[in-house]
Amino acid sequence: MKQHVEKLGVYAFLVGTVVAILLGAFPLPVQWLGIKVLVLAALGIVVGYLNVQDHELQLFLIATLTLIGVSNVFTLVLTDVPVIGATLVNIFQNLLVFFASGAGVLAIKAVLDVASEK
């Protein structure tokens, strides 16, 4: 059973990454943006919950926080890239939604773990 759950987490990571890239490369109409964010966030939550082991938790959270922290710089730089700049910004923002939602679940898990140890 554990092996099936691990595979589900790997598949969710692959699907989430591909979906984030495809939806960034081929933007949806404005009325679908909420659904896009919901799908990416749900996949990120599944990845965070199933894929990241306890010994990887701290590294994943630090990496995600770093990614979120530099996202404004990446967005500013990528916006100036001719032809594909806007597409790269869309892809990057989709990946941020995907990873940040996984980090949110893991942050809650970490807080609960710390609180339960006392």
C-alpha atoms as a PDB file:
ATOM      1  CA  MET A   1       0.000   0.000   0.000  1.00  0.00           C
ATOM      2  CA  LYS A   2       2.796   2.440   0.888  1.00  0.00           C
ATOM      3  CA  GLN A   3       4.360   1.865  -2.519  1.00  0.00           C
ATOM      4  CA  HIS A   4       1.101   2.848  -4.238  1.00  0.00           C
ATOM      5  CA  VAL A   5       0.895   6.051  -2.202  1.00  0.00           C
ATOM      6  CA  GLU A   6       4.496   6.935  -3.106  1.00  0.00           C
ATOM      7  CA  LYS A   7       3.724   6.361  -6.793  1.00  0.00           C
ATOM      8  CA  LEU A   8       0.669   8.601  -6.508  1.00  0.00           C
ATOM      9  CA  GLY A   9       2.875  11.370  -5.106  1.00  0.00           C
ATOM     10  CA  VAL A  10       5.394  10.974  -7.936  1.00  0.00           C
ATOM     11  CA  TYR A  11       2.624  11.018 -10.540  1.00  0.00           C
ATOM     12  CA  ALA A  12       1.054  14.078  -8.924  1.00  0.00           C
ATOM     13  CA  PHE A  13       4.424  15.855  -9.102  1.00  0.00           C
ATOM     14  CA  LEU A  14       4.873  14.989 -12.773  1.00  0.00           C
ATOM     15  CA  VAL A  15       1.292  15.903 -13.680  1.00  0.00           C
ATOM     16  CA  GLY A  16       1.449  19.142 -11.689  1.00  0.00           C
ATOM     17  CA  THR A  17       4.688  20.208 -13.335  1.00  0.00           C
ATOM     18  CA  VAL A  18       3.440  19.388 -16.836  1.00  0.00           C
ATOM     19  CA  VAL A  19       0.083  21.096 -16.201  1.00  0.00           C
ATOM     20  CA  ALA A  20       1.832  24.205 -14.838  1.00  0.00           C
ATOM     21  CA  ILE A  21       4.058  24.390 -17.914  1.00  0.00           C
ATOM     22  CA  LEU A  22       1.259  23.719 -20.412  1.00  0.00           C
ATOM     23  CA  LEU A  23      -1.126  26.208 -18.800  1.00  0.00           C
ATOM     24  CA  GLY A  24       1.657  28.779 -18.812  1.00  0.00           C
ATOM     25  CA  ALA A  25       2.511  28.153 -22.450  1.00  0.00           C
ATOM     26  CA  PHE A  26      -1.125  28.108 -23.565  1.00  0.00           C
ATOM     27  CA  PRO A  27      -2.976  30.597 -21.355  1.00  0.00           C
ATOM     28  CA  LEU A  28      -6.618  29.990 -20.470  1.00  0.00           C
ATOM     29  CA  PRO A  29      -9.395  32.554 -20.777  1.00  0.00           C
ATOM     30  CA  VAL A  30      -9.771  34.795 -17.729  1.00  0.00           C
ATOM     31  CA  GLN A  31     -12.918  33.012 -16.498  1.00  0.00           C
ATOM     32  CA  TRP A  32     -10.905  29.778 -16.087  1.00  0.00           C
ATOM     33  CA  LEU A  33      -8.118  31.242 -13.929  1.00  0.00           C
ATOM     34  CA  GLY A  34      -9.778  30.237 -10.663  1.00  0.00           C
ATOM     35  CA  ILE A  35     -10.067  26.641 -11.818  1.00  0.00           C
ATOM     36  CA  LYS A  36      -6.432  26.649 -12.959  1.00  0.00           C
ATOM     37  CA  VAL A  37      -5.270  27.867  -9.541  1.00  0.00           C
ATOM     38  CA  LEU A  38      -7.497  25.325  -7.806  1.00  0.00           C
ATOM     39  CA  VAL A  39      -6.108  22.431  -9.885  1.00  0.00           C
ATOM     40  CA  LEU A  40      -2.489  23.500  -9.394  1.00  0.00           C
ATOM     41  CA  ALA A  41      -3.013  24.048  -5.673  1.00  0.00           C
ATOM     42  CA  ALA A  42      -4.731  20.664  -5.244  1.00  0.00           C
ATOM     43  CA  LEU A  43      -1.890  18.896  -7.057  1.00  0.00           C
ATOM     44  CA  GLY A  44       0.640  20.800  -4.931  1.00  0.00           C
ATOM     45  CA  ILE A  45      -1.117  19.734  -1.745  1.00  0.00           C
ATOM     46  CA  VAL A  46      -1.068  16.098  -2.862  1.00  0.00           C
ATOM     47  CA  VAL A  47       2.636  16.357  -3.700  1.00  0.00           C
ATOM     48  CA  GLY A  48       3.473  18.047  -0.406  1.00  0.00           C
ATOM     49  CA  TYR A  49       1.526  15.528   1.610  1.00  0.00           C
ATOM     50  CA  LEU A  50       2.595  12.348  -0.203  1.00  0.00           C
ATOM     51  CA  ASN A  51       6.005  13.074  -1.678  1.00  0.00           C
ATOM     52  CA  VAL A  52       8.024  14.932   0.947  1.00  0.00           C
ATOM     53  CA  GLN A  53       9.383  12.752   3.735  1.00  0.00           C
ATOM     54  CA  ASP A  54      10.041  14.035   7.249  1.00  0.00           C
ATOM     55  CA  HIS A  55      13.799  14.257   6.691  1.00  0.00           C
ATOM     56  CA  GLU A  56      13.202  16.361   3.522  1.00  0.00           C
ATOM     57  CA  LEU A  57      10.675  18.710   5.107  1.00  0.00           C
ATOM     58  CA  GLN A  58      13.053  21.460   6.161  1.00  0.00           C
ATOM     59  CA  LEU A  59      14.907  21.500   2.827  1.00  0.00           C
ATOM     60  CA  PHE A  60      11.658  21.604   0.845  1.00  0.00           C
ATOM     61  CA  LEU A  61      10.294  24.485   2.923  1.00  0.00           C
ATOM     62  CA  ILE A  62      13.514  26.487   2.642  1.00  0.00           C
ATOM     63  CA  ALA A  63      13.700  25.891  -1.112  1.00  0.00           C
ATOM     64  CA  THR A  64      10.082  26.932  -1.584  1.00  0.00           C
ATOM     65  CA  LEU A  65      10.502  30.058   0.535  1.00  0.00           C
ATOM     66  CA  THR A  66      13.569  30.979  -1.477  1.00  0.00           C
ATOM     67  CA  LEU A  67      11.678  30.431  -4.711  1.00  0.00           C
ATOM     68  CA  ILE A  68       8.823  32.619  -3.498  1.00  0.00           C
ATOM     69  CA  GLY A  69      11.279  35.255  -2.310  1.00  0.00           C
ATOM     70  CA  VAL A  70      13.024  35.615  -5.647  1.00  0.00           C
ATOM     71  CA  SER A  71       9.863  35.305  -7.726  1.00  0.00           C
ATOM     72  CA  ASN A  72       9.480  39.075  -8.100  1.00  0.00           C
ATOM     73  CA  VAL A  73      12.997  39.375  -9.459  1.00  0.00           C
ATOM     74  CA  PHE A  74      12.423  36.514 -11.893  1.00  0.00           C
ATOM     75  CA  THR A  75       9.162  38.076 -13.029  1.00  0.00           C
ATOM     76  CA  LEU A  76      10.801  41.452 -13.633  1.00  0.00           C
ATOM     77  CA  VAL A  77      13.697  39.948 -15.559  1.00  0.00           C
ATOM     78  CA  LEU A  78      11.601  37.519 -17.606  1.00  0.00           C
ATOM     79  CA  THR A  79       9.110  40.229 -18.577  1.00  0.00           C
ATOM     80  CA  ASP A  80      11.868  41.960 -20.548  1.00  0.00           C
ATOM     81  CA  VAL A  81      12.746  38.854 -22.561  1.00  0.00           C
ATOM     82  CA  PRO A  82      11.429  39.403 -26.089  1.00  0.00           C
ATOM     83  CA  VAL A  83       8.936  36.975 -27.659  1.00  0.00           C
ATOM     84  CA  ILE A  84       8.802  34.363 -24.871  1.00  0.00           C
ATOM     85  CA  GLY A  85       9.041  36.563 -21.783  1.00  0.00           C
ATOM     86  CA  ALA A  86       5.319  36.629 -20.993  1.00  0.00           C
ATOM     87  CA  THR A  87       5.070  32.870 -21.500  1.00  0.00           C
ATOM     88  CA  LEU A  88       7.996  32.258 -19.152  1.00  0.00           C
ATOM     89  CA  VAL A  89       6.396  34.506 -16.522  1.00  0.00           C
ATOM     90  CA  ASN A  90       3.120  32.549 -16.798  1.00  0.00           C
ATOM     91  CA  ILE A  91       4.917  29.215 -16.467  1.00  0.00           C
ATOM     92  CA  PHE A  92       6.921  30.446 -13.490  1.00  0.00           C
ATOM     93  CA  GLN A  93       3.825  31.798 -11.728  1.00  0.00           C
ATOM     94  CA  ASN A  94       2.016  28.489 -12.268  1.00  0.00           C
ATOM     95  CA  LEU A  95       4.947  26.584 -10.800  1.00  0.00           C
ATOM     96  CA  LEU A  96       4.899  28.945  -7.800  1.00  0.00           C
ATOM     97  CA  VAL A  97       1.225  28.174  -7.148  1.00  0.00           C
ATOM     98  CA  PHE A  98       1.995  24.464  -7.441  1.00  0.00           C
ATOM     99  CA  PHE A  99       4.992  24.475  -5.078  1.00  0.00           C
ATOM    100  CA  ALA A 100       3.664  27.046  -2.612  1.00  0.00           C
ATOM    101  CA  SER A 101       0.493  25.063  -1.946  1.00  0.00           C
ATOM    102  CA  GLY A 102       2.601  21.994  -1.160  1.00  0.00           C
ATOM    103  CA  ALA A 103       4.775  24.077   1.125  1.00  0.00           C
ATOM    104  CA  GLY A 104       1.702  25.411   2.898  1.00  0.00           C
ATOM    105  CA  VAL A 105       0.537  21.909   3.764  1.00  0.00           C
ATOM    106  CA  LEU A 106       4.001  20.965   4.955  1.00  0.00           C
ATOM    107  CA  ALA A 107       4.280  24.108   7.065  1.00  0.00           C
ATOM    108  CA  ILE A 108       1.014  23.242   8.794  1.00  0.00           C
ATOM    109  CA  LYS A 109       2.246  19.671   9.291  1.00  0.00           C
ATOM    110  CA  ALA A 110       5.520  20.962  10.790  1.00  0.00           C
ATOM    111  CA  VAL A 111       3.670  23.262  13.196  1.00  0.00           C
ATOM    112  CA  LEU A 112       1.396  20.430  14.297  1.00  0.00           C
ATOM    113  CA  ASP A 113       4.388  18.132  14.769  1.00  0.00           C
ATOM    114  CA  VAL A 114       6.195  20.702  16.922  1.00  0.00           C
ATOM    115  CA  ALA A 115       3.052  21.424  18.938  1.00  0.00           C
ATOM    116  CA  SER A 116       2.354  17.754  19.571  1.00  0.00           C
ATOM    117  CA  GLU A 117       5.868  17.136  20.942  1.00  0.00           C
ATOM    118  CA  LYS A 118       5.367  19.442  23.919  1.00  0.00           C
END
